[in-house]
């Protein structure tokens, strides 16, 4: 299971759409419609059994998982068992070119903070 840090900067859907809108010079409404249409279409295609390849970016696909037995809330009943049915999860695999463009910035040290726009470290203000 991947480990996530609660202190990592996160970008909400709203902020993402605003940034794309500004970058593309499109209205927020148009950008929101495009965002919704793109992800709905990817999910529809993957749910239909397709692998969606965006050349130069990566591919989206369903990864099936077999059902399995699970232990349920052992605090209430140490013998409680359940069954998880077969399921699938959406996976994404970036192209080699995209992965080469991904850079991981060092975490800011004490007394520094990370700029939410540029990602660069800067001295924390004492305001």
C-alpha atoms as a PDB file:
ATOM      1  CA  UNK A   1       0.000   0.000   0.000  1.00  0.00           C
ATOM      2  CA  UNK A   2       1.487   3.374  -0.944  1.00  0.00           C
ATOM      3  CA  UNK A   3       2.525   5.700   1.828  1.00  0.00           C
ATOM      4  CA  UNK A   4       1.256   9.262   1.580  1.00  0.00           C
ATOM      5  CA  UNK A   5       2.386  12.222   3.598  1.00  0.00           C
ATOM      6  CA  UNK A   6      -0.298  14.429   5.054  1.00  0.00           C
ATOM      7  CA  UNK A   7       2.003  17.426   4.716  1.00  0.00           C
ATOM      8  CA  UNK A   8       2.420  17.052   0.929  1.00  0.00           C
ATOM      9  CA  UNK A   9       0.853  19.891  -1.037  1.00  0.00           C
ATOM     10  CA  UNK A  10      -2.412  18.877  -2.673  1.00  0.00           C
ATOM     11  CA  UNK A  11      -4.333  20.437  -5.536  1.00  0.00           C
ATOM     12  CA  UNK A  12      -8.128  20.289  -5.428  1.00  0.00           C
ATOM     13  CA  UNK A  13     -10.259  19.692  -8.507  1.00  0.00           C
ATOM     14  CA  UNK A  14     -11.390  23.326  -8.338  1.00  0.00           C
ATOM     15  CA  UNK A  15      -7.836  24.662  -8.239  1.00  0.00           C
ATOM     16  CA  UNK A  16      -6.767  22.285 -11.017  1.00  0.00           C
ATOM     17  CA  UNK A  17      -9.602  23.444 -13.283  1.00  0.00           C
ATOM     18  CA  UNK A  18      -8.772  27.093 -12.532  1.00  0.00           C
ATOM     19  CA  UNK A  19      -5.121  26.562 -13.415  1.00  0.00           C
ATOM     20  CA  UNK A  20      -5.966  24.759 -16.672  1.00  0.00           C
ATOM     21  CA  UNK A  21      -8.480  27.483 -17.531  1.00  0.00           C
ATOM     22  CA  UNK A  22      -5.841  30.168 -17.080  1.00  0.00           C
ATOM     23  CA  UNK A  23      -3.149  28.224 -18.974  1.00  0.00           C
ATOM     24  CA  UNK A  24      -5.454  27.512 -21.928  1.00  0.00           C
ATOM     25  CA  UNK A  25      -7.135  30.924 -21.950  1.00  0.00           C
ATOM     26  CA  UNK A  26     -10.565  29.288 -21.643  1.00  0.00           C
ATOM     27  CA  UNK A  27     -13.490  30.190 -19.436  1.00  0.00           C
ATOM     28  CA  UNK A  28     -13.896  28.291 -16.189  1.00  0.00           C
ATOM     29  CA  UNK A  29     -17.199  26.889 -17.463  1.00  0.00           C
ATOM     30  CA  UNK A  30     -15.654  25.570 -20.685  1.00  0.00           C
ATOM     31  CA  UNK A  31     -12.706  24.088 -18.810  1.00  0.00           C
ATOM     32  CA  UNK A  32     -15.020  22.408 -16.274  1.00  0.00           C
ATOM     33  CA  UNK A  33     -17.117  20.903 -19.079  1.00  0.00           C
ATOM     34  CA  UNK A  34     -13.981  19.617 -20.819  1.00  0.00           C
ATOM     35  CA  UNK A  35     -12.611  18.184 -17.559  1.00  0.00           C
ATOM     36  CA  UNK A  36     -15.863  16.348 -16.824  1.00  0.00           C
ATOM     37  CA  UNK A  37     -16.185  15.066 -20.412  1.00  0.00           C
ATOM     38  CA  UNK A  38     -12.595  13.791 -20.560  1.00  0.00           C
ATOM     39  CA  UNK A  39     -12.768  11.806 -17.340  1.00  0.00           C
ATOM     40  CA  UNK A  40     -16.286  10.486 -17.970  1.00  0.00           C
ATOM     41  CA  UNK A  41     -15.172   9.283 -21.410  1.00  0.00           C
ATOM     42  CA  UNK A  42     -12.043   7.605 -20.019  1.00  0.00           C
ATOM     43  CA  UNK A  43     -14.149   5.786 -17.402  1.00  0.00           C
ATOM     44  CA  UNK A  44     -16.807   4.772 -19.962  1.00  0.00           C
ATOM     45  CA  UNK A  45     -14.156   3.371 -22.305  1.00  0.00           C
ATOM     46  CA  UNK A  46     -12.287   1.514 -19.548  1.00  0.00           C
ATOM     47  CA  UNK A  47     -15.582   0.121 -18.183  1.00  0.00           C
ATOM     48  CA  UNK A  48     -16.308  -1.172 -21.687  1.00  0.00           C
ATOM     49  CA  UNK A  49     -13.089  -3.185 -21.609  1.00  0.00           C
ATOM     50  CA  UNK A  50     -10.869  -0.748 -23.493  1.00  0.00           C
ATOM     51  CA  UNK A  51      -7.380   0.405 -22.693  1.00  0.00           C
ATOM     52  CA  UNK A  52      -7.222   4.166 -23.303  1.00  0.00           C
ATOM     53  CA  UNK A  53      -3.863   5.267 -24.684  1.00  0.00           C
ATOM     54  CA  UNK A  54      -3.064   8.961 -24.867  1.00  0.00           C
ATOM     55  CA  UNK A  55       0.001   8.983 -27.113  1.00  0.00           C
ATOM     56  CA  UNK A  56       2.899  10.779 -25.497  1.00  0.00           C
ATOM     57  CA  UNK A  57       1.208  10.756 -22.075  1.00  0.00           C
ATOM     58  CA  UNK A  58       0.213   7.290 -20.918  1.00  0.00           C
ATOM     59  CA  UNK A  59      -2.540   4.712 -20.713  1.00  0.00           C
ATOM     60  CA  UNK A  60      -5.542   4.106 -18.486  1.00  0.00           C
ATOM     61  CA  UNK A  61      -6.779   0.557 -17.930  1.00  0.00           C
ATOM     62  CA  UNK A  62      -8.710  -1.633 -15.524  1.00  0.00           C
ATOM     63  CA  UNK A  63      -6.716  -3.966 -13.316  1.00  0.00           C
ATOM     64  CA  UNK A  64      -8.823  -6.898 -12.127  1.00  0.00           C
ATOM     65  CA  UNK A  65      -8.505  -8.290  -8.614  1.00  0.00           C
ATOM     66  CA  UNK A  66      -9.775 -11.635  -7.363  1.00  0.00           C
ATOM     67  CA  UNK A  67     -12.235 -11.741  -4.511  1.00  0.00           C
ATOM     68  CA  UNK A  68     -10.967 -12.932  -1.166  1.00  0.00           C
ATOM     69  CA  UNK A  69     -11.970 -13.721   2.390  1.00  0.00           C
ATOM     70  CA  UNK A  70     -11.572 -11.000   4.997  1.00  0.00           C
ATOM     71  CA  UNK A  71     -11.705 -10.725   8.753  1.00  0.00           C
ATOM     72  CA  UNK A  72     -14.354  -8.261   9.873  1.00  0.00           C
ATOM     73  CA  UNK A  73     -14.044  -5.976  12.905  1.00  0.00           C
ATOM     74  CA  UNK A  74     -12.300  -8.389  15.256  1.00  0.00           C
ATOM     75  CA  UNK A  75     -13.013  -6.094  18.224  1.00  0.00           C
ATOM     76  CA  UNK A  76     -16.699  -7.053  18.114  1.00  0.00           C
ATOM     77  CA  UNK A  77     -16.357 -10.683  17.042  1.00  0.00           C
ATOM     78  CA  UNK A  78     -13.003 -12.405  16.659  1.00  0.00           C
ATOM     79  CA  UNK A  79     -14.573 -15.012  14.357  1.00  0.00           C
ATOM     80  CA  UNK A  80     -16.434 -12.656  12.006  1.00  0.00           C
ATOM     81  CA  UNK A  81     -15.547 -13.364   8.396  1.00  0.00           C
ATOM     82  CA  UNK A  82     -16.660 -11.853   5.120  1.00  0.00           C
ATOM     83  CA  UNK A  83     -16.107 -12.115   1.405  1.00  0.00           C
ATOM     84  CA  UNK A  84     -14.922  -9.422  -0.995  1.00  0.00           C
ATOM     85  CA  UNK A  85     -16.195 -10.079  -4.510  1.00  0.00           C
ATOM     86  CA  UNK A  86     -13.991  -9.781  -7.598  1.00  0.00           C
ATOM     87  CA  UNK A  87     -13.364  -6.131  -8.434  1.00  0.00           C
ATOM     88  CA  UNK A  88     -11.281  -3.888 -10.676  1.00  0.00           C
ATOM     89  CA  UNK A  89      -9.397  -0.660 -10.087  1.00  0.00           C
ATOM     90  CA  UNK A  90      -8.482   2.087 -12.527  1.00  0.00           C
ATOM     91  CA  UNK A  91      -4.760   2.177 -13.225  1.00  0.00           C
ATOM     92  CA  UNK A  92      -2.598   4.677 -15.085  1.00  0.00           C
ATOM     93  CA  UNK A  93       0.808   4.056 -16.572  1.00  0.00           C
ATOM     94  CA  UNK A  94       2.749   7.084 -17.769  1.00  0.00           C
ATOM     95  CA  UNK A  95       5.007   6.931 -20.803  1.00  0.00           C
ATOM     96  CA  UNK A  96       8.757   6.908 -20.308  1.00  0.00           C
ATOM     97  CA  UNK A  97       8.927  10.458 -21.707  1.00  0.00           C
ATOM     98  CA  UNK A  98       6.393  11.748 -19.164  1.00  0.00           C
ATOM     99  CA  UNK A  99       8.157   9.976 -16.308  1.00  0.00           C
ATOM    100  CA  UNK A 100      11.442  11.634 -17.286  1.00  0.00           C
ATOM    101  CA  UNK A 101       9.744  15.037 -16.925  1.00  0.00           C
ATOM    102  CA  UNK A 102       8.578  14.303 -13.371  1.00  0.00           C
ATOM    103  CA  UNK A 103      10.877  15.858 -10.812  1.00  0.00           C
ATOM    104  CA  UNK A 104      10.616  15.356  -7.105  1.00  0.00           C
ATOM    105  CA  UNK A 105      11.581  18.454  -5.202  1.00  0.00           C
ATOM    106  CA  UNK A 106      13.305  18.084  -1.840  1.00  0.00           C
ATOM    107  CA  UNK A 107      11.056  18.599   1.147  1.00  0.00           C
ATOM    108  CA  UNK A 108      11.331  22.047   2.722  1.00  0.00           C
ATOM    109  CA  UNK A 109      13.463  22.213   5.845  1.00  0.00           C
ATOM    110  CA  UNK A 110      12.355  23.707   9.150  1.00  0.00           C
ATOM    111  CA  UNK A 111      11.553  27.379   8.771  1.00  0.00           C
ATOM    112  CA  UNK A 112      10.697  26.964   5.079  1.00  0.00           C
ATOM    113  CA  UNK A 113       7.462  26.404   3.235  1.00  0.00           C
ATOM    114  CA  UNK A 114       6.672  25.307  -0.313  1.00  0.00           C
ATOM    115  CA  UNK A 115       5.136  27.799  -2.756  1.00  0.00           C
ATOM    116  CA  UNK A 116       1.836  26.278  -3.968  1.00  0.00           C
ATOM    117  CA  UNK A 117       2.270  27.679  -7.484  1.00  0.00           C
ATOM    118  CA  UNK A 118       5.964  27.171  -8.276  1.00  0.00           C
ATOM    119  CA  UNK A 119       6.652  24.302  -5.866  1.00  0.00           C
ATOM    120  CA  UNK A 120       9.865  26.021  -4.753  1.00  0.00           C
ATOM    121  CA  UNK A 121      10.932  26.250  -1.125  1.00  0.00           C
ATOM    122  CA  UNK A 122      10.927  29.670   0.498  1.00  0.00           C
ATOM    123  CA  UNK A 123      11.479  31.075   3.968  1.00  0.00           C
ATOM    124  CA  UNK A 124       8.347  30.917   6.113  1.00  0.00           C
ATOM    125  CA  UNK A 125       7.123  34.391   7.033  1.00  0.00           C
ATOM    126  CA  UNK A 126       6.551  35.180  10.699  1.00  0.00           C
ATOM    127  CA  UNK A 127       3.253  36.995  10.166  1.00  0.00           C
END
